[in-house]
C-alpha atoms as a PDB file:
ATOM      1  CA  MET A   1     -46.545 121.271  28.537  1.00  0.00           C
ATOM      2  CA  THR A   2     -44.910 118.370  30.288  1.00  0.00           C
ATOM      3  CA  THR A   3     -44.371 115.103  28.331  1.00  0.00           C
ATOM      4  CA  ARG A   4     -44.672 111.786  30.185  1.00  0.00           C
ATOM      5  CA  HIS A   5     -42.196 109.037  29.375  1.00  0.00           C
ATOM      6  CA  SER A   6     -42.767 105.420  30.294  1.00  0.00           C
ATOM      7  CA  ASN A   7     -39.951 103.500  32.073  1.00  0.00           C
ATOM      8  CA  PRO A   8     -38.526 100.935  29.580  1.00  0.00           C
ATOM      9  CA  VAL A   9     -37.427  98.564  32.395  1.00  0.00           C
ATOM     10  CA  SER A  10     -40.678  98.608  34.277  1.00  0.00           C
ATOM     11  CA  GLY A  11     -43.547  96.178  34.100  1.00  0.00           C
ATOM     12  CA  ALA A  12     -42.762  92.706  32.695  1.00  0.00           C
ATOM     13  CA  GLN A  13     -39.019  93.458  32.398  1.00  0.00           C
ATOM     14  CA  ALA A  14     -38.506  94.117  36.096  1.00  0.00           C
ATOM     15  CA  PRO A  15     -38.507  90.529  37.259  1.00  0.00           C
ATOM     16  CA  ALA A  16     -35.964  89.618  34.540  1.00  0.00           C
ATOM     17  CA  LEU A  17     -33.418  91.967  36.147  1.00  0.00           C
ATOM     18  CA  LYS A  18     -33.232  89.726  39.189  1.00  0.00           C
ATOM     19  CA  SER A  19     -31.763  86.839  37.101  1.00  0.00           C
ATOM     20  CA  ALA A  20     -29.873  89.048  34.607  1.00  0.00           C
ATOM     21  CA  THR A  21     -26.100  89.113  34.273  1.00  0.00           C
ATOM     22  CA  PRO A  22     -24.142  91.995  35.768  1.00  0.00           C
ATOM     23  CA  ALA A  23     -23.693  93.699  32.351  1.00  0.00           C
ATOM     24  CA  LEU A  24     -27.430  93.457  31.666  1.00  0.00           C
ATOM     25  CA  ARG A  25     -28.281  94.913  35.036  1.00  0.00           C
ATOM     26  CA  GLN A  26     -25.765  97.745  34.489  1.00  0.00           C
ATOM     27  CA  VAL A  27     -27.392  98.668  31.118  1.00  0.00           C
ATOM     28  CA  ALA A  28     -30.867  98.493  32.661  1.00  0.00           C
ATOM     29  CA  TRP A  29     -29.890 100.774  35.538  1.00  0.00           C
ATOM     30  CA  ALA A  30     -28.217 103.218  33.117  1.00  0.00           C
ATOM     31  CA  LEU A  31     -31.381 103.269  31.019  1.00  0.00           C
ATOM     32  CA  LYS A  32     -33.435 103.881  34.123  1.00  0.00           C
ATOM     33  CA  ALA A  33     -31.133 106.738  35.184  1.00  0.00           C
ATOM     34  CA  THR A  34     -31.260 108.293  31.729  1.00  0.00           C
ATOM     35  CA  THR A  35     -35.057 108.245  31.809  1.00  0.00           C
ATOM     36  CA  ALA A  36     -35.067 109.869  35.227  1.00  0.00           C
ATOM     37  CA  ALA A  37     -32.594 112.499  34.114  1.00  0.00           C
ATOM     38  CA  MET A  38     -34.688 113.341  31.048  1.00  0.00           C
ATOM     39  CA  ALA A  39     -37.750 113.794  33.207  1.00  0.00           C
ATOM     40  CA  VAL A  40     -35.807 116.150  35.522  1.00  0.00           C
ATOM     41  CA  ILE A  41     -34.333 118.193  32.678  1.00  0.00           C
ATOM     42  CA  LEU A  42     -37.760 118.626  31.049  1.00  0.00           C
ATOM     43  CA  SER A  43     -39.226 119.843  34.241  1.00  0.00           C
ATOM     44  CA  VAL A  44     -36.377 122.220  35.140  1.00  0.00           C
ATOM     45  CA  GLN A  45     -35.529 123.791  31.718  1.00  0.00           C
ATOM     46  CA  PRO A  46     -38.567 123.944  29.455  1.00  0.00           C
ATOM     47  CA  ALA A  47     -36.707 126.058  26.814  1.00  0.00           C
ATOM     48  CA  HIS A  48     -34.307 123.387  25.966  1.00  0.00           C
ATOM     49  CA  ALA A  49     -36.798 120.541  26.239  1.00  0.00           C
ATOM     50  CA  GLN A  50     -37.132 119.878  22.503  1.00  0.00           C
ATOM     51  CA  SER A  51     -33.484 119.382  21.716  1.00  0.00           C
ATOM     52  CA  MET A  52     -32.678 117.601  25.003  1.00  0.00           C
ATOM     53  CA  GLU A  53     -35.630 115.286  24.547  1.00  0.00           C
ATOM     54  CA  GLU A  54     -34.428 114.250  21.126  1.00  0.00           C
ATOM     55  CA  ARG A  55     -30.978 113.439  22.439  1.00  0.00           C
ATOM     56  CA  LEU A  56     -32.386 111.536  25.366  1.00  0.00           C
ATOM     57  CA  ARG A  57     -34.737 109.696  23.082  1.00  0.00           C
ATOM     58  CA  THR A  58     -31.753 108.749  20.915  1.00  0.00           C
ATOM     59  CA  GLN A  59     -29.846 107.555  23.992  1.00  0.00           C
ATOM     60  CA  LEU A  60     -32.960 105.779  25.260  1.00  0.00           C
ATOM     61  CA  ARG A  61     -33.406 103.892  21.951  1.00  0.00           C
ATOM     62  CA  SER A  62     -29.713 102.960  21.965  1.00  0.00           C
ATOM     63  CA  ALA A  63     -29.947 101.752  25.526  1.00  0.00           C
ATOM     64  CA  THR A  64     -33.151  99.951  24.754  1.00  0.00           C
ATOM     65  CA  GLN A  65     -31.514  98.165  21.844  1.00  0.00           C
ATOM     66  CA  GLN A  66     -28.502  97.255  23.998  1.00  0.00           C
ATOM     67  CA  LEU A  67     -30.911  96.008  26.661  1.00  0.00           C
ATOM     68  CA  GLN A  68     -32.782  93.876  24.106  1.00  0.00           C
ATOM     69  CA  GLN A  69     -29.498  92.512  22.756  1.00  0.00           C
ATOM     70  CA  LEU A  70     -28.315  91.691  26.242  1.00  0.00           C
ATOM     71  CA  GLN A  71     -31.672  90.089  27.051  1.00  0.00           C
ATOM     72  CA  SER A  72     -31.393  88.023  23.847  1.00  0.00           C
ATOM     73  CA  GLN A  73     -27.843  87.008  24.832  1.00  0.00           C
ATOM     74  CA  GLN A  74     -29.063  86.245  28.337  1.00  0.00           C
ATOM     75  CA  ALA A  75     -31.801  84.005  26.906  1.00  0.00           C
ATOM     76  CA  GLN A  76     -29.212  82.207  24.767  1.00  0.00           C
ATOM     77  CA  VAL A  77     -26.959  81.858  27.767  1.00  0.00           C
ATOM     78  CA  ASN A  78     -29.830  80.473  29.845  1.00  0.00           C
ATOM     79  CA  ALA A  79     -30.741  78.032  26.993  1.00  0.00           C
ATOM     80  CA  ALA A  80     -27.115  76.971  26.730  1.00  0.00           C
ATOM     81  CA  LYS A  81     -26.981  76.533  30.506  1.00  0.00           C
ATOM     82  CA  VAL A  82     -30.104  74.433  30.480  1.00  0.00           C
ATOM     83  CA  ALA A  83     -28.702  72.353  27.610  1.00  0.00           C
ATOM     84  CA  ALA A  84     -25.411  72.019  29.481  1.00  0.00           C
ATOM     85  CA  GLU A  85     -27.181  70.953  32.673  1.00  0.00           C
ATOM     86  CA  THR A  86     -29.248  68.480  30.650  1.00  0.00           C
ATOM     87  CA  GLN A  87     -26.073  67.078  29.074  1.00  0.00           C
ATOM     88  CA  ARG A  88     -24.439  67.029  32.505  1.00  0.00           C
ATOM     89  CA  ASP A  89     -27.376  65.088  33.994  1.00  0.00           C
ATOM     90  CA  ALA A  90     -27.347  62.714  31.032  1.00  0.00           C
ATOM     91  CA  ALA A  91     -23.560  62.281  31.379  1.00  0.00           C
ATOM     92  CA  GLN A  92     -23.992  61.740  35.153  1.00  0.00           C
ATOM     93  CA  LYS A  93     -26.629  59.124  34.507  1.00  0.00           C
ATOM     94  CA  GLU A  94     -24.479  57.460  31.882  1.00  0.00           C
ATOM     95  CA  ILE A  95     -21.537  57.478  34.352  1.00  0.00           C
ATOM     96  CA  GLU A  96     -23.732  55.842  36.988  1.00  0.00           C
ATOM     97  CA  GLN A  97     -24.820  53.199  34.437  1.00  0.00           C
ATOM     98  CA  LEU A  98     -21.189  52.642  33.453  1.00  0.00           C
ATOM     99  CA  ARG A  99     -20.219  52.303  37.127  1.00  0.00           C
ATOM    100  CA  ALA A 100     -23.018  49.789  37.595  1.00  0.00           C
ATOM    101  CA  GLN A 101     -21.838  47.860  34.518  1.00  0.00           C
ATOM    102  CA  LEU A 102     -18.267  48.075  35.779  1.00  0.00           C
ATOM    103  CA  GLY A 103     -19.391  46.701  39.145  1.00  0.00           C
ATOM    104  CA  LYS A 104     -21.141  43.798  37.402  1.00  0.00           C
ATOM    105  CA  ALA A 105     -18.101  43.212  35.202  1.00  0.00           C
ATOM    106  CA  GLN A 106     -15.812  43.193  38.267  1.00  0.00           C
ATOM    107  CA  GLY A 107     -18.177  40.769  39.995  1.00  0.00           C
ATOM    108  CA  ALA A 108     -18.252  38.527  36.943  1.00  0.00           C
ATOM    109  CA  ALA A 109     -14.446  38.735  36.668  1.00  0.00           C
ATOM    110  CA  GLU A 110     -14.054  37.801  40.367  1.00  0.00           C
ATOM    111  CA  GLN A 111     -16.510  34.934  39.914  1.00  0.00           C
ATOM    112  CA  LEU A 112     -14.652  33.787  36.813  1.00  0.00           C
ATOM    113  CA  ALA A 113     -11.344  34.055  38.658  1.00  0.00           C
ATOM    114  CA  GLY A 114     -12.809  31.953  41.480  1.00  0.00           C
ATOM    115  CA  GLN A 115     -14.060  29.350  39.017  1.00  0.00           C
ATOM    116  CA  GLN A 116     -10.592  29.298  37.339  1.00  0.00           C
ATOM    117  CA  ASP A 117      -8.940  28.824  40.757  1.00  0.00           C
ATOM    118  CA  ALA A 118     -11.369  26.000  41.529  1.00  0.00           C
ATOM    119  CA  MET A 119     -10.748  24.372  38.125  1.00  0.00           C
ATOM    120  CA  ARG A 120      -6.999  24.734  38.580  1.00  0.00           C
ATOM    121  CA  ALA A 121      -7.180  23.172  42.038  1.00  0.00           C
ATOM    122  CA  SER A 122      -9.357  20.321  40.713  1.00  0.00           C
ATOM    123  CA  ALA A 123      -7.009  19.764  37.794  1.00  0.00           C
ATOM    124  CA  ASN A 124      -3.985  19.706  40.124  1.00  0.00           C
ATOM    125  CA  SER A 125      -5.811  17.242  42.371  1.00  0.00           C
ATOM    126  CA  GLN A 126      -6.652  15.032  39.384  1.00  0.00           C
ATOM    127  CA  ILE A 127      -3.074  15.203  38.169  1.00  0.00           C
ATOM    128  CA  ALA A 128      -1.807  14.207  41.652  1.00  0.00           C
ATOM    129  CA  ALA A 129      -4.310  11.321  41.766  1.00  0.00           C
ATOM    130  CA  ALA A 130      -3.258  10.254  38.251  1.00  0.00           C
ATOM    131  CA  ASN A 131       0.405  10.346  39.238  1.00  0.00           C
ATOM    132  CA  THR A 132      -0.334   8.275  42.283  1.00  0.00           C
ATOM    133  CA  GLN A 133      -2.306   5.759  40.235  1.00  0.00           C
ATOM    134  CA  LEU A 134       0.444   5.731  37.645  1.00  0.00           C
ATOM    135  CA  GLY A 135       2.982   4.930  40.395  1.00  0.00           C
ATOM    136  CA  LYS A 136       0.749   2.073  41.542  1.00  0.00           C
ATOM    137  CA  PHE A 137       0.470   0.810  37.963  1.00  0.00           C
ATOM    138  CA  LYS A 138       4.257   0.988  37.567  1.00  0.00           C
ATOM    139  CA  ASP A 139       4.806  -0.939  40.800  1.00  0.00           C
ATOM    140  CA  ALA A 140       2.267  -3.510  39.686  1.00  0.00           C
ATOM    141  CA  TYR A 141       3.916  -3.718  36.249  1.00  0.00           C
ATOM    142  CA  ASP A 142       7.349  -4.163  37.802  1.00  0.00           C
ATOM    143  CA  GLU A 143       5.938  -6.856  40.064  1.00  0.00           C
ATOM    144  CA  LEU A 144       4.276  -8.614  37.169  1.00  0.00           C
ATOM    145  CA  LEU A 145       7.455  -8.304  35.099  1.00  0.00           C
ATOM    146  CA  THR A 146       9.478  -9.875  37.912  1.00  0.00           C
ATOM    147  CA  LEU A 147       6.895 -12.653  38.244  1.00  0.00           C
ATOM    148  CA  ALA A 148       6.878 -13.170  34.484  1.00  0.00           C
ATOM    149  CA  ARG A 149      10.665 -13.454  34.431  1.00  0.00           C
ATOM    150  CA  SER A 150      10.529 -15.911  37.322  1.00  0.00           C
ATOM    151  CA  LYS A 151       7.874 -17.988  35.530  1.00  0.00           C
ATOM    152  CA  GLU A 152       9.891 -17.848  32.354  1.00  0.00           C
ATOM    153  CA  ALA A 153      12.921 -19.112  34.265  1.00  0.00           C
ATOM    154  CA  GLU A 154      10.773 -21.886  35.707  1.00  0.00           C
ATOM    155  CA  ARG A 155       9.445 -22.673  32.256  1.00  0.00           C
ATOM    156  CA  VAL A 156      12.971 -22.887  30.851  1.00  0.00           C
ATOM    157  CA  ALA A 157      13.997 -25.107  33.770  1.00  0.00           C
ATOM    158  CA  LEU A 158      10.937 -27.338  33.313  1.00  0.00           C
ATOM    159  CA  SER A 159      11.541 -27.422  29.582  1.00  0.00           C
ATOM    160  CA  GLY A 160      15.142 -28.583  30.285  1.00  0.00           C
ATOM    161  CA  ASN A 161      13.889 -31.144  32.760  1.00  0.00           C
ATOM    162  CA  LEU A 162      11.342 -32.389  30.205  1.00  0.00           C
ATOM    163  CA  GLN A 163      14.031 -32.678  27.570  1.00  0.00           C
ATOM    164  CA  GLN A 164      16.161 -34.577  30.059  1.00  0.00           C
ATOM    165  CA  ARG A 165      13.256 -36.856  30.816  1.00  0.00           C
ATOM    166  CA  ASP A 166      12.696 -37.422  27.175  1.00  0.00           C
ATOM    167  CA  ALA A 167      16.321 -38.260  26.666  1.00  0.00           C
ATOM    168  CA  GLN A 168      16.170 -40.598  29.655  1.00  0.00           C
ATOM    169  CA  LEU A 169      13.031 -42.232  28.293  1.00  0.00           C
ATOM    170  CA  LYS A 170      14.668 -42.730  24.944  1.00  0.00           C
ATOM    171  CA  THR A 171      17.714 -44.179  26.657  1.00  0.00           C
ATOM    172  CA  CYS A 172      15.510 -46.471  28.746  1.00  0.00           C
ATOM    173  CA  GLU A 173      13.724 -47.585  25.565  1.00  0.00           C
ATOM    174  CA  VAL A 174      17.038 -48.377  23.903  1.00  0.00           C
ATOM    175  CA  LYS A 175      18.303 -50.189  27.002  1.00  0.00           C
ATOM    176  CA  ASN A 176      15.044 -52.122  27.237  1.00  0.00           C
ATOM    177  CA  ASP A 177      15.412 -53.154  23.614  1.00  0.00           C
ATOM    178  CA  GLU A 178      18.974 -54.280  24.295  1.00  0.00           C
ATOM    179  CA  LEU A 179      17.974 -56.173  27.419  1.00  0.00           C
ATOM    180  CA  TYR A 180      15.088 -57.720  25.553  1.00  0.00           C
ATOM    181  CA  ALA A 181      17.428 -58.830  22.764  1.00  0.00           C
ATOM    182  CA  ALA A 182      19.971 -60.166  25.269  1.00  0.00           C
ATOM    183  CA  GLY A 183      17.243 -62.026  27.078  1.00  0.00           C
ATOM    184  CA  LYS A 184      16.030 -63.563  23.844  1.00  0.00           C
ATOM    185  CA  GLU A 185      19.602 -64.669  23.030  1.00  0.00           C
ATOM    186  CA  ILE A 186      20.054 -66.128  26.506  1.00  0.00           C
ATOM    187  CA  LEU A 187      16.726 -67.866  26.262  1.00  0.00           C
ATOM    188  CA  ALA A 188      17.593 -69.243  22.802  1.00  0.00           C
ATOM    189  CA  ALA A 189      20.977 -70.379  24.107  1.00  0.00           C
ATOM    190  CA  TYR A 190      19.357 -72.042  27.082  1.00  0.00           C
ATOM    191  CA  GLU A 191      16.838 -73.764  24.850  1.00  0.00           C
ATOM    192  CA  SER A 192      19.580 -74.987  22.552  1.00  0.00           C
ATOM    193  CA  PHE A 193      21.817 -76.140  25.405  1.00  0.00           C
ATOM    194  CA  SER A 194      21.552 -79.924  25.463  1.00  0.00           C
ATOM    195  CA  THR A 195      22.518 -82.676  27.790  1.00  0.00           C
ATOM    196  CA  GLY A 196      25.411 -83.553  25.550  1.00  0.00           C
ATOM    197  CA  ASP A 197      26.721 -79.982  25.850  1.00  0.00           C
ATOM    198  CA  MET A 198      26.472 -80.311  29.638  1.00  0.00           C
ATOM    199  CA  LEU A 199      28.306 -83.617  29.642  1.00  0.00           C
ATOM    200  CA  ALA A 200      30.999 -82.195  27.371  1.00  0.00           C
ATOM    201  CA  LEU A 201      31.571 -79.381  29.855  1.00  0.00           C
ATOM    202  CA  ARG A 202      32.050 -81.925  32.692  1.00  0.00           C
ATOM    203  CA  GLN A 203      34.705 -83.930  30.801  1.00  0.00           C
ATOM    204  CA  PRO A 204      38.136 -83.390  32.313  1.00  0.00           C
ATOM    205  CA  PHE A 205      39.717 -82.967  28.933  1.00  0.00           C
ATOM    206  CA  SER A 206      37.096 -80.633  27.388  1.00  0.00           C
ATOM    207  CA  GLN A 207      39.029 -77.459  28.035  1.00  0.00           C
ATOM    208  CA  LYS A 208      38.189 -76.016  24.666  1.00  0.00           C
ATOM    209  CA  ALA A 209      34.412 -76.478  25.130  1.00  0.00           C
ATOM    210  CA  ARG A 210      34.588 -74.865  28.597  1.00  0.00           C
ATOM    211  CA  VAL A 211      36.443 -71.856  27.237  1.00  0.00           C
ATOM    212  CA  ALA A 212      33.900 -71.420  24.514  1.00  0.00           C
ATOM    213  CA  PHE A 213      31.108 -71.681  27.049  1.00  0.00           C
ATOM    214  CA  ASP A 214      32.712 -69.151  29.315  1.00  0.00           C
ATOM    215  CA  GLU A 215      33.268 -66.710  26.462  1.00  0.00           C
ATOM    216  CA  LYS A 216      29.645 -67.033  25.462  1.00  0.00           C
ATOM    217  CA  ALA A 217      28.504 -66.555  29.062  1.00  0.00           C
ATOM    218  CA  GLN A 218      30.763 -63.493  29.337  1.00  0.00           C
ATOM    219  CA  GLY A 219      29.264 -62.068  26.159  1.00  0.00           C
ATOM    220  CA  TYR A 220      25.755 -62.499  27.563  1.00  0.00           C
ATOM    221  CA  GLY A 221      26.851 -60.885  30.807  1.00  0.00           C
ATOM    222  CA  ASP A 222      28.317 -57.921  28.917  1.00  0.00           C
ATOM    223  CA  LYS A 223      25.098 -57.490  26.981  1.00  0.00           C
ATOM    224  CA  LEU A 224      23.058 -57.584  30.202  1.00  0.00           C
ATOM    225  CA  TYR A 225      25.424 -54.973  31.754  1.00  0.00           C
ATOM    226  CA  ASP A 226      25.234 -52.763  28.716  1.00  0.00           C
ATOM    227  CA  GLY A 227      21.429 -52.978  28.831  1.00  0.00           C
ATOM    228  CA  LYS A 228      21.417 -51.589  32.421  1.00  0.00           C
ATOM    229  CA  TYR A 229      20.077 -48.008  32.642  1.00  0.00           C
ATOM    230  CA  ASP A 230      22.614 -45.466  33.899  1.00  0.00           C
ATOM    231  CA  PRO A 231      21.405 -41.813  34.300  1.00  0.00           C
ATOM    232  CA  ARG A 232      24.968 -40.615  33.885  1.00  0.00           C
ATOM    233  CA  MET A 233      24.954 -41.946  30.342  1.00  0.00           C
ATOM    234  CA  VAL A 234      22.020 -39.656  29.386  1.00  0.00           C
ATOM    235  CA  PRO A 235      23.192 -36.505  27.489  1.00  0.00           C
ATOM    236  CA  GLN A 236      22.317 -33.264  29.300  1.00  0.00           C
ATOM    237  CA  PRO A 237      20.250 -30.692  27.379  1.00  0.00           C
ATOM    238  CA  GLU A 238      21.773 -27.328  26.594  1.00  0.00           C
ATOM    239  CA  ALA A 239      20.737 -24.596  29.066  1.00  0.00           C
ATOM    240  CA  LYS A 240      18.792 -21.672  27.603  1.00  0.00           C
ATOM    241  CA  SER A 241      18.811 -18.295  29.266  1.00  0.00           C
ATOM    242  CA  ALA A 242      15.447 -16.679  30.013  1.00  0.00           C
ATOM    243  CA  GLN A 243      14.696 -13.718  27.823  1.00  0.00           C
END
């Protein structure tokens, strides 16, 4: 009686061998060879079929268990590979996003640097314009200061002239008063001078009367001379330096 044994790697497991690892393929082929050897031994030596079949069954179960373990490990490896590929794709996508963000940041930084350069240039231009304007203001200030000092000197000079004119006016007023008083005295003397006084002056022996008349006339002349205005007699005002 010949016992048929099914191939443990046939059927649905055959396509899996194509994508299996080398160790898994080696175990599968060993299992396949063991099954073929058991079939050959059973057909050639029927007397030893019972004991040989038991040993081959034991080897077959062991190989089948190893195959199942390797298939489980292969599935885990495939799952880990898929997870790793998924993580790789996600990381690649994140890298692309980061590169895009980096590009935007670099563009923003370049734009900001350009704005800063423009602001710096504008500030430098404004500073240069302000310095130019400040120079103009300084020149105008110096010019106004010089003009103010000149006007102050003129004011001091005019003030001195005015004081001199005031002094001259006061001197003229005094001299006018003196001349007026001298004129009144002369007029009074003329009014009081009688015909008898005139006849006394013409007498040959009236020397004393003539001397008195001459002295009086000299006194009137002196008063008239003193009442004459002389600019040299006016006191000069003290000069004041311009501040």
